Every structure is written in C-alpha cells, then in structure tokens.
C-alpha cells in the first residue's frame, strides 16, 4: 500500500515535470515567434524611414524646399503690401476700438 502511494506520487511528479517541460517549450516557441515578429516590424520600419529620408533629401536636392520657402516669402510680402496700403485713419480707428475693448471706460 505504501509502495502504491509512493508510485502514485512519483507518477504525479513525472506528469507535472512533463507539463512544465511542455509549457516551457510552448513559451520558448512563443518567444521565438515574438522575436521574429519584432525583427520583421523593425526591418519594415527601418525601410520606411530610409525611404522617407530619401524622399526628403530628394525634395531638397530638387529645390522643392526652396520653392516652398519662396512661396511663403511671396505670400508674406503680399500681405505686408496690403497692410502697408491701409490708411492711417483706418489703423487709428482699429487701435481706438481695441483700446475700448481692453479699457471699456476710455
């Protein structure tokens, strides 16, 4: 009887060891798959960033950045020209109105 109990304990221990080993193998497989997935994602992101960098360098080399800067300057000059064309009376009225908004009693 004691031998039967001892055999049962040994059998349960063996089963537990087998289950732990199987779980460890499954976890190692999952970890390896996750590592591969992360490596693939990193490689894809690296490719995307390299392409983005190449496009930015090409834009600068082809003058796209310069064209955009020239367009911004042209727009700013046009707006400055429109503002310069406003008369002193109109500007003084805007200033007075702004002062009244800030200091209602004035």
C-alpha atoms as a PDB file:
ATOM      1  CA  UNK A   1       0.000   0.000   0.000  1.00  0.00           C
ATOM      2  CA  UNK A   2       2.776   2.398   0.905  1.00  0.00           C
ATOM      3  CA  UNK A   3       4.507   1.395  -2.296  1.00  0.00           C
ATOM      4  CA  UNK A   4       1.304   2.169  -4.256  1.00  0.00           C
ATOM      5  CA  UNK A   5       1.103   5.635  -2.697  1.00  0.00           C
ATOM      6  CA  UNK A   6       4.779   6.240  -3.401  1.00  0.00           C
ATOM      7  CA  UNK A   7       4.326   5.107  -7.015  1.00  0.00           C
ATOM      8  CA  UNK A   8       1.333   7.427  -7.392  1.00  0.00           C
ATOM      9  CA  UNK A   9       3.343  10.366  -6.011  1.00  0.00           C
ATOM     10  CA  UNK A  10       6.193   9.578  -8.424  1.00  0.00           C
ATOM     11  CA  UNK A  11       3.733   9.317 -11.321  1.00  0.00           C
ATOM     12  CA  UNK A  12       2.109  12.665 -10.454  1.00  0.00           C
ATOM     13  CA  UNK A  13       5.542  14.269 -10.108  1.00  0.00           C
ATOM     14  CA  UNK A  14       6.542  12.889 -13.516  1.00  0.00           C
ATOM     15  CA  UNK A  15       3.344  14.233 -15.078  1.00  0.00           C
ATOM     16  CA  UNK A  16       3.962  17.653 -13.504  1.00  0.00           C
ATOM     17  CA  UNK A  17       7.534  17.685 -14.842  1.00  0.00           C
ATOM     18  CA  UNK A  18       6.258  16.762 -18.314  1.00  0.00           C
ATOM     19  CA  UNK A  19       3.628  19.508 -18.171  1.00  0.00           C
ATOM     20  CA  UNK A  20       6.211  22.060 -17.013  1.00  0.00           C
ATOM     21  CA  UNK A  21       8.589  20.994 -19.803  1.00  0.00           C
ATOM     22  CA  UNK A  22       5.790  21.203 -22.395  1.00  0.00           C
ATOM     23  CA  UNK A  23       4.786  24.645 -21.129  1.00  0.00           C
ATOM     24  CA  UNK A  24       8.408  25.776 -21.246  1.00  0.00           C
ATOM     25  CA  UNK A  25       8.720  24.580 -24.840  1.00  0.00           C
ATOM     26  CA  UNK A  26       5.490  26.380 -25.774  1.00  0.00           C
ATOM     27  CA  UNK A  27       6.698  29.561 -24.090  1.00  0.00           C
ATOM     28  CA  UNK A  28      10.060  29.325 -25.875  1.00  0.00           C
ATOM     29  CA  UNK A  29       8.250  28.881 -29.197  1.00  0.00           C
ATOM     30  CA  UNK A  30       6.012  31.874 -28.488  1.00  0.00           C
ATOM     31  CA  UNK A  31       9.028  33.943 -27.512  1.00  0.00           C
ATOM     32  CA  UNK A  32      10.883  32.975 -30.694  1.00  0.00           C
ATOM     33  CA  UNK A  33       7.838  33.894 -32.780  1.00  0.00           C
ATOM     34  CA  UNK A  34       7.565  37.225 -30.985  1.00  0.00           C
ATOM     35  CA  UNK A  35      11.249  37.914 -31.577  1.00  0.00           C
ATOM     36  CA  UNK A  36      10.809  37.186 -35.295  1.00  0.00           C
ATOM     37  CA  UNK A  37       7.741  39.427 -35.450  1.00  0.00           C
ATOM     38  CA  UNK A  38       9.593  42.280 -33.702  1.00  0.00           C
ATOM     39  CA  UNK A  39      12.572  41.865 -36.024  1.00  0.00           C
ATOM     40  CA  UNK A  40      10.252  41.965 -39.049  1.00  0.00           C
ATOM     41  CA  UNK A  41       8.490  45.074 -37.741  1.00  0.00           C
ATOM     42  CA  UNK A  42      11.805  46.778 -37.025  1.00  0.00           C
ATOM     43  CA  UNK A  43      13.082  45.924 -40.501  1.00  0.00           C
ATOM     44  CA  UNK A  44       9.905  47.280 -42.086  1.00  0.00           C
ATOM     45  CA  UNK A  45      10.101  50.471 -40.050  1.00  0.00           C
ATOM     46  CA  UNK A  46      13.749  50.897 -40.995  1.00  0.00           C
ATOM     47  CA  UNK A  47      12.856  50.566 -44.682  1.00  0.00           C
ATOM     48  CA  UNK A  48      10.034  53.105 -44.295  1.00  0.00           C
ATOM     49  CA  UNK A  49      12.296  55.595 -42.529  1.00  0.00           C
ATOM     50  CA  UNK A  50      15.032  55.178 -45.130  1.00  0.00           C
ATOM     51  CA  UNK A  51      12.511  55.816 -47.914  1.00  0.00           C
ATOM     52  CA  UNK A  52      11.175  58.865 -46.072  1.00  0.00           C
ATOM     53  CA  UNK A  53      14.703  60.202 -45.633  1.00  0.00           C
ATOM     54  CA  UNK A  54      15.495  59.619 -49.296  1.00  0.00           C
ATOM     55  CA  UNK A  55      12.327  61.492 -50.310  1.00  0.00           C
ATOM     56  CA  UNK A  56      13.204  64.419 -48.046  1.00  0.00           C
ATOM     57  CA  UNK A  57      16.742  64.575 -49.406  1.00  0.00           C
ATOM     58  CA  UNK A  58      15.404  64.386 -52.960  1.00  0.00           C
ATOM     59  CA  UNK A  59      12.966  67.225 -52.224  1.00  0.00           C
ATOM     60  CA  UNK A  60      15.793  69.401 -51.001  1.00  0.00           C
ATOM     61  CA  UNK A  61      18.029  68.432 -53.899  1.00  0.00           C
ATOM     62  CA  UNK A  62      15.329  69.168 -56.478  1.00  0.00           C
ATOM     63  CA  UNK A  63      14.562  72.535 -54.962  1.00  0.00           C
ATOM     64  CA  UNK A  64      11.120  71.637 -53.598  1.00  0.00           C
ATOM     65  CA  UNK A  65      12.050  73.040 -50.208  1.00  0.00           C
ATOM     66  CA  UNK A  66      13.332  76.202 -51.861  1.00  0.00           C
ATOM     67  CA  UNK A  67      10.096  76.534 -53.864  1.00  0.00           C
ATOM     68  CA  UNK A  68       8.021  76.208 -50.711  1.00  0.00           C
ATOM     69  CA  UNK A  69      10.153  78.807 -48.934  1.00  0.00           C
ATOM     70  CA  UNK A  70       9.875  81.187 -51.895  1.00  0.00           C
ATOM     71  CA  UNK A  71       6.079  80.743 -51.909  1.00  0.00           C
ATOM     72  CA  UNK A  72       5.906  81.540 -48.177  1.00  0.00           C
ATOM     73  CA  UNK A  73       8.044  84.666 -48.652  1.00  0.00           C
ATOM     74  CA  UNK A  74       5.931  85.810 -51.613  1.00  0.00           C
ATOM     75  CA  UNK A  75       2.745  85.375 -49.582  1.00  0.00           C
ATOM     76  CA  UNK A  76       4.218  87.273 -46.619  1.00  0.00           C
ATOM     77  CA  UNK A  77       5.375  90.125 -48.900  1.00  0.00           C
ATOM     78  CA  UNK A  78       1.914  90.356 -50.475  1.00  0.00           C
ATOM     79  CA  UNK A  79       0.251  90.531 -47.071  1.00  0.00           C
ATOM     80  CA  UNK A  80       2.738  93.148 -45.900  1.00  0.00           C
ATOM     81  CA  UNK A  81       1.981  95.156 -49.033  1.00  0.00           C
ATOM     82  CA  UNK A  82      -1.759  95.017 -48.342  1.00  0.00           C
ATOM     83  CA  UNK A  83      -1.206  96.097 -44.734  1.00  0.00           C
ATOM     84  CA  UNK A  84       1.090  98.924 -45.846  1.00  0.00           C
ATOM     85  CA  UNK A  85      -1.677 100.187 -48.113  1.00  0.00           C
ATOM     86  CA  UNK A  86      -4.074 100.718 -45.210  1.00  0.00           C
ATOM     87  CA  UNK A  87      -4.531 104.349 -44.334  1.00  0.00           C
ATOM     88  CA  UNK A  88      -3.561 105.911 -41.013  1.00  0.00           C
ATOM     89  CA  UNK A  89      -7.191 106.818 -40.266  1.00  0.00           C
ATOM     90  CA  UNK A  90      -8.307 103.213 -40.633  1.00  0.00           C
ATOM     91  CA  UNK A  91      -5.447 101.926 -38.467  1.00  0.00           C
ATOM     92  CA  UNK A  92      -6.119 104.600 -35.812  1.00  0.00           C
ATOM     93  CA  UNK A  93      -9.780 103.522 -35.720  1.00  0.00           C
ATOM     94  CA  UNK A  94      -8.775  99.905 -35.178  1.00  0.00           C
ATOM     95  CA  UNK A  95      -6.422 100.928 -32.379  1.00  0.00           C
ATOM     96  CA  UNK A  96      -9.134 103.028 -30.675  1.00  0.00           C
ATOM     97  CA  UNK A  97     -11.592 100.158 -30.958  1.00  0.00           C
ATOM     98  CA  UNK A  98      -9.029  97.771 -29.460  1.00  0.00           C
ATOM     99  CA  UNK A  99      -8.353 100.167 -26.591  1.00  0.00           C
ATOM    100  CA  UNK A 100     -12.100 100.424 -25.888  1.00  0.00           C
ATOM    101  CA  UNK A 101     -12.285  96.645 -25.771  1.00  0.00           C
ATOM    102  CA  UNK A 102      -9.406  96.494 -23.298  1.00  0.00           C
ATOM    103  CA  UNK A 103     -10.443  99.587 -21.275  1.00  0.00           C
ATOM    104  CA  UNK A 104     -14.226  99.940 -21.691  1.00  0.00           C
ATOM    105  CA  UNK A 105     -14.433 103.287 -19.835  1.00  0.00           C
ATOM    106  CA  UNK A 106     -11.905 105.053 -22.053  1.00  0.00           C
END
